[in-house]
Amino acid sequence: MDRDLQSMSKKELEDLRAAVDKALKDYDARKKAEARKAAEEAAKVHGFSLDDLVSGKVTGAQKNPPKYRNPDDPKKTWTGRGRQPAWIKEALDSGRSLEDFRI
């Protein structure tokens, strides 16, 4: 599509620019829709919806489930990672084994 831009009037050039801007916008919208459809299909193959993957919410089991539980207060648990909670430290200092608290 060769056009002699030099021979076009200002109005014709502005109309051409508007048409190109609209075509670019339509192109981007079409490509985004295609990409979304492909992403939805890929997520579905793995048993998820696209919303499941992009929401950032963790579903199902937590990443590091607790390995140890305080027998005196079952709400207090520890994954075994990071700093030991005070109740574990106190029990270990009193001679108990970490295995005594394993879930």
N, C-alpha and C. Protein backbone atom coordinates (compact mmCIF):
# COMPACT_ATOMS: atom_id res chain seq x y z
N MET A 1 0.85 -1.17 0.00
CA MET A 1 0.00 0.00 0.00
C MET A 1 0.89 1.23 0.00
N ASP A 2 1.27 1.66 -1.17
CA ASP A 2 2.10 2.85 -1.30
C ASP A 2 1.20 4.07 -1.40
N ARG A 3 1.53 5.06 -0.60
CA ARG A 3 0.80 6.33 -0.66
C ARG A 3 1.82 7.44 -0.80
N ASP A 4 1.49 8.39 -1.55
CA ASP A 4 2.36 9.56 -1.68
C ASP A 4 1.94 10.57 -0.62
N LEU A 5 2.56 10.47 0.53
CA LEU A 5 2.18 11.34 1.64
C LEU A 5 2.41 12.82 1.32
N GLN A 6 3.38 13.08 0.47
CA GLN A 6 3.70 14.47 0.13
C GLN A 6 2.57 15.15 -0.64
N SER A 7 1.81 14.36 -1.35
CA SER A 7 0.75 14.97 -2.17
C SER A 7 -0.58 15.04 -1.42
N MET A 8 -0.65 14.51 -0.19
CA MET A 8 -1.90 14.51 0.57
C MET A 8 -2.09 15.82 1.31
N SER A 9 -3.36 16.20 1.46
CA SER A 9 -3.68 17.41 2.22
C SER A 9 -3.55 17.12 3.72
N LYS A 10 -3.56 18.17 4.50
CA LYS A 10 -3.48 18.01 5.96
C LYS A 10 -4.66 17.18 6.46
N LYS A 11 -5.83 17.43 5.95
CA LYS A 11 -7.05 16.69 6.35
C LYS A 11 -6.90 15.21 6.01
N GLU A 12 -6.40 14.92 4.83
CA GLU A 12 -6.20 13.53 4.43
C GLU A 12 -5.17 12.83 5.33
N LEU A 13 -4.11 13.53 5.67
CA LEU A 13 -3.09 12.98 6.56
C LEU A 13 -3.67 12.71 7.96
N GLU A 14 -4.47 13.65 8.46
CA GLU A 14 -5.09 13.46 9.78
C GLU A 14 -6.06 12.28 9.77
N ASP A 15 -6.83 12.15 8.68
CA ASP A 15 -7.75 11.02 8.54
C ASP A 15 -6.98 9.70 8.49
N LEU A 16 -5.87 9.72 7.76
CA LEU A 16 -5.04 8.52 7.66
C LEU A 16 -4.48 8.16 9.04
N ARG A 17 -4.00 9.16 9.79
CA ARG A 17 -3.48 8.90 11.14
C ARG A 17 -4.57 8.32 12.04
N ALA A 18 -5.78 8.86 11.98
CA ALA A 18 -6.89 8.35 12.79
C ALA A 18 -7.19 6.90 12.43
N ALA A 19 -7.17 6.60 11.13
CA ALA A 19 -7.44 5.23 10.69
C ALA A 19 -6.35 4.28 11.18
N VAL A 20 -5.09 4.73 11.11
CA VAL A 20 -3.97 3.89 11.59
C VAL A 20 -4.08 3.70 13.10
N ASP A 21 -4.37 4.75 13.85
CA ASP A 21 -4.52 4.62 15.31
C ASP A 21 -5.63 3.64 15.67
N LYS A 22 -6.75 3.70 14.96
CA LYS A 22 -7.86 2.79 15.21
C LYS A 22 -7.45 1.35 14.88
N ALA A 23 -6.77 1.18 13.76
CA ALA A 23 -6.33 -0.17 13.35
C ALA A 23 -5.35 -0.75 14.38
N LEU A 24 -4.46 0.06 14.90
CA LEU A 24 -3.51 -0.40 15.92
C LEU A 24 -4.22 -0.79 17.21
N LYS A 25 -5.21 0.01 17.60
CA LYS A 25 -5.98 -0.29 18.80
C LYS A 25 -6.75 -1.60 18.64
N ASP A 26 -7.39 -1.77 17.48
CA ASP A 26 -8.12 -3.00 17.20
C ASP A 26 -7.18 -4.20 17.18
N TYR A 27 -6.01 -4.03 16.60
CA TYR A 27 -5.02 -5.10 16.53
C TYR A 27 -4.60 -5.54 17.94
N ASP A 28 -4.30 -4.57 18.81
CA ASP A 28 -3.91 -4.88 20.19
C ASP A 28 -5.03 -5.62 20.93
N ALA A 29 -6.26 -5.17 20.77
CA ALA A 29 -7.39 -5.82 21.44
C ALA A 29 -7.56 -7.25 20.94
N ARG A 30 -7.41 -7.46 19.65
CA ARG A 30 -7.53 -8.80 19.07
C ARG A 30 -6.42 -9.72 19.59
N LYS A 31 -5.19 -9.23 19.63
CA LYS A 31 -4.07 -10.03 20.11
C LYS A 31 -4.21 -10.37 21.60
N LYS A 32 -4.70 -9.41 22.39
CA LYS A 32 -4.92 -9.67 23.82
C LYS A 32 -5.97 -10.75 24.01
N ALA A 33 -7.04 -10.69 23.22
CA ALA A 33 -8.10 -11.70 23.32
C ALA A 33 -7.55 -13.08 22.95
N GLU A 34 -6.72 -13.14 21.92
CA GLU A 34 -6.11 -14.41 21.52
C GLU A 34 -5.19 -14.95 22.62
N ALA A 35 -4.41 -14.06 23.22
CA ALA A 35 -3.49 -14.48 24.28
C ALA A 35 -4.27 -14.97 25.50
N ARG A 36 -5.34 -14.28 25.85
CA ARG A 36 -6.15 -14.70 27.00
C ARG A 36 -6.76 -16.08 26.75
N LYS A 37 -7.26 -16.29 25.55
CA LYS A 37 -7.86 -17.59 25.22
C LYS A 37 -6.81 -18.70 25.32
N ALA A 38 -5.62 -18.45 24.81
CA ALA A 38 -4.55 -19.44 24.87
C ALA A 38 -4.15 -19.71 26.33
N ALA A 39 -4.09 -18.67 27.15
CA ALA A 39 -3.74 -18.84 28.57
C ALA A 39 -4.82 -19.61 29.30
N GLU A 40 -6.08 -19.33 29.01
CA GLU A 40 -7.19 -20.07 29.64
C GLU A 40 -7.13 -21.55 29.27
N GLU A 41 -6.83 -21.84 28.01
CA GLU A 41 -6.73 -23.24 27.58
C GLU A 41 -5.56 -23.95 28.25
N ALA A 42 -4.43 -23.26 28.38
CA ALA A 42 -3.26 -23.86 29.04
C ALA A 42 -3.56 -24.12 30.52
N ALA A 43 -4.22 -23.20 31.18
CA ALA A 43 -4.58 -23.40 32.59
C ALA A 43 -5.54 -24.57 32.73
N LYS A 44 -6.49 -24.68 31.82
CA LYS A 44 -7.49 -25.75 31.87
C LYS A 44 -6.83 -27.12 31.74
N VAL A 45 -5.80 -27.23 30.89
CA VAL A 45 -5.08 -28.49 30.71
C VAL A 45 -4.50 -28.97 32.05
N HIS A 46 -4.13 -28.03 32.90
CA HIS A 46 -3.53 -28.36 34.20
C HIS A 46 -4.54 -28.37 35.34
N GLY A 47 -5.82 -28.25 35.01
CA GLY A 47 -6.86 -28.35 36.02
C GLY A 47 -7.18 -27.07 36.76
N PHE A 48 -6.83 -25.94 36.19
CA PHE A 48 -7.09 -24.64 36.83
C PHE A 48 -7.84 -23.74 35.88
N SER A 49 -8.41 -22.69 36.46
CA SER A 49 -8.93 -21.62 35.61
C SER A 49 -7.85 -20.54 35.58
N LEU A 50 -7.91 -19.67 34.62
CA LEU A 50 -6.94 -18.58 34.54
C LEU A 50 -7.03 -17.70 35.79
N ASP A 51 -8.25 -17.49 36.28
CA ASP A 51 -8.44 -16.69 37.49
C ASP A 51 -7.75 -17.32 38.69
N ASP A 52 -7.77 -18.67 38.78
CA ASP A 52 -7.07 -19.35 39.86
C ASP A 52 -5.58 -19.00 39.85
N LEU A 53 -5.02 -18.92 38.67
CA LEU A 53 -3.58 -18.70 38.55
C LEU A 53 -3.18 -17.25 38.76
N VAL A 54 -4.01 -16.32 38.36
CA VAL A 54 -3.61 -14.92 38.46
C VAL A 54 -4.10 -14.22 39.72
N SER A 55 -4.96 -14.89 40.50
CA SER A 55 -5.49 -14.24 41.70
C SER A 55 -4.46 -14.13 42.80
N GLY A 56 -3.46 -15.00 42.80
CA GLY A 56 -2.44 -14.97 43.84
C GLY A 56 -2.85 -15.68 45.11
N LYS A 57 -4.08 -16.16 45.16
CA LYS A 57 -4.55 -16.86 46.35
C LYS A 57 -4.06 -18.30 46.30
N VAL A 58 -3.60 -18.78 47.45
CA VAL A 58 -3.16 -20.16 47.54
C VAL A 58 -4.35 -21.00 47.93
N THR A 59 -4.63 -22.03 47.14
CA THR A 59 -5.73 -22.92 47.47
C THR A 59 -5.16 -24.27 47.86
N GLY A 60 -5.91 -25.01 48.61
CA GLY A 60 -5.45 -26.33 49.02
C GLY A 60 -4.51 -26.25 50.21
N ALA A 61 -3.56 -27.15 50.26
CA ALA A 61 -2.64 -27.23 51.39
C ALA A 61 -1.68 -26.04 51.40
N GLN A 62 -1.26 -25.66 52.59
CA GLN A 62 -0.31 -24.57 52.68
C GLN A 62 1.07 -25.07 52.26
N LYS A 63 1.97 -24.15 51.94
CA LYS A 63 3.27 -24.53 51.42
C LYS A 63 4.10 -25.32 52.43
N ASN A 64 4.12 -24.87 53.65
CA ASN A 64 4.90 -25.54 54.68
C ASN A 64 3.97 -25.93 55.83
N PRO A 65 3.41 -27.11 55.78
CA PRO A 65 2.49 -27.52 56.84
C PRO A 65 3.25 -27.71 58.15
N PRO A 66 2.58 -27.55 59.28
CA PRO A 66 3.27 -27.71 60.56
C PRO A 66 3.72 -29.15 60.77
N LYS A 67 4.88 -29.28 61.40
CA LYS A 67 5.43 -30.61 61.72
C LYS A 67 5.37 -30.89 63.22
N TYR A 68 5.27 -29.82 64.01
CA TYR A 68 5.31 -29.96 65.46
C TYR A 68 4.13 -29.23 66.08
N ARG A 69 3.59 -29.80 67.19
CA ARG A 69 2.44 -29.21 67.87
C ARG A 69 2.72 -29.18 69.37
N ASN A 70 2.31 -28.11 69.99
CA ASN A 70 2.44 -27.96 71.44
C ASN A 70 1.32 -28.78 72.09
N PRO A 71 1.66 -29.83 72.87
CA PRO A 71 0.61 -30.66 73.48
C PRO A 71 -0.23 -29.90 74.51
N ASP A 72 0.34 -28.85 75.10
CA ASP A 72 -0.39 -28.06 76.08
C ASP A 72 -1.35 -27.06 75.41
N ASP A 73 -1.04 -26.67 74.20
CA ASP A 73 -1.90 -25.75 73.46
C ASP A 73 -1.85 -26.14 71.98
N PRO A 74 -2.76 -27.01 71.53
CA PRO A 74 -2.72 -27.54 70.17
C PRO A 74 -2.81 -26.49 69.07
N LYS A 75 -3.22 -25.26 69.41
CA LYS A 75 -3.27 -24.20 68.42
C LYS A 75 -1.86 -23.74 68.03
N LYS A 76 -0.90 -23.99 68.90
CA LYS A 76 0.49 -23.57 68.64
C LYS A 76 1.20 -24.68 67.88
N THR A 77 1.62 -24.34 66.67
CA THR A 77 2.33 -25.29 65.83
C THR A 77 3.60 -24.63 65.30
N TRP A 78 4.46 -25.48 64.72
CA TRP A 78 5.71 -24.99 64.12
C TRP A 78 6.02 -25.85 62.92
N THR A 79 6.48 -25.23 61.85
CA THR A 79 6.79 -25.97 60.62
C THR A 79 8.14 -26.66 60.68
N GLY A 80 8.97 -26.28 61.65
CA GLY A 80 10.32 -26.81 61.70
C GLY A 80 11.30 -25.94 60.94
N ARG A 81 10.79 -24.86 60.39
CA ARG A 81 11.63 -23.92 59.64
C ARG A 81 11.67 -22.60 60.38
N GLY A 82 12.78 -21.92 60.23
CA GLY A 82 12.90 -20.62 60.87
C GLY A 82 13.21 -20.74 62.35
N ARG A 83 13.05 -19.65 63.05
CA ARG A 83 13.36 -19.60 64.48
C ARG A 83 12.42 -20.49 65.28
N GLN A 84 12.99 -21.17 66.26
CA GLN A 84 12.15 -22.04 67.10
C GLN A 84 11.26 -21.18 68.00
N PRO A 85 10.01 -21.59 68.15
CA PRO A 85 9.14 -20.86 69.07
C PRO A 85 9.59 -21.10 70.51
N ALA A 86 9.18 -20.20 71.38
CA ALA A 86 9.59 -20.26 72.79
C ALA A 86 9.18 -21.58 73.42
N TRP A 87 7.99 -22.10 73.11
CA TRP A 87 7.55 -23.34 73.75
C TRP A 87 8.42 -24.52 73.34
N ILE A 88 8.97 -24.52 72.14
CA ILE A 88 9.90 -25.58 71.72
C ILE A 88 11.23 -25.41 72.45
N LYS A 89 11.74 -24.18 72.50
CA LYS A 89 13.01 -23.93 73.18
C LYS A 89 12.95 -24.35 74.64
N GLU A 90 11.87 -23.97 75.31
CA GLU A 90 11.72 -24.32 76.73
C GLU A 90 11.69 -25.83 76.92
N ALA A 91 10.96 -26.52 76.04
CA ALA A 91 10.86 -27.98 76.16
C ALA A 91 12.21 -28.64 75.91
N LEU A 92 12.94 -28.17 74.92
CA LEU A 92 14.26 -28.73 74.62
C LEU A 92 15.23 -28.47 75.76
N ASP A 93 15.15 -27.26 76.36
CA ASP A 93 16.01 -26.92 77.49
C ASP A 93 15.71 -27.79 78.71
N SER A 94 14.47 -28.24 78.82
CA SER A 94 14.10 -29.07 79.97
C SER A 94 14.36 -30.56 79.71
N GLY A 95 14.98 -30.88 78.56
CA GLY A 95 15.37 -32.26 78.30
C GLY A 95 14.46 -33.04 77.37
N ARG A 96 13.40 -32.44 76.91
CA ARG A 96 12.50 -33.17 75.99
C ARG A 96 13.09 -33.19 74.59
N SER A 97 12.63 -34.13 73.78
CA SER A 97 13.12 -34.29 72.42
C SER A 97 12.16 -33.60 71.45
N LEU A 98 12.69 -33.15 70.36
CA LEU A 98 11.86 -32.53 69.33
C LEU A 98 10.83 -33.54 68.81
N GLU A 99 11.20 -34.79 68.79
CA GLU A 99 10.29 -35.85 68.34
C GLU A 99 9.03 -35.97 69.22
N ASP A 100 9.12 -35.49 70.46
CA ASP A 100 7.96 -35.53 71.36
C ASP A 100 6.81 -34.67 70.83
N PHE A 101 7.14 -33.73 69.94
CA PHE A 101 6.14 -32.77 69.46
C PHE A 101 5.73 -33.00 68.02
N ARG A 102 6.31 -34.00 67.39
CA ARG A 102 6.02 -34.26 65.97
C ARG A 102 4.55 -34.61 65.79
N ILE A 103 3.98 -34.07 64.76
CA ILE A 103 2.56 -34.32 64.45
C ILE A 103 2.44 -35.64 63.70
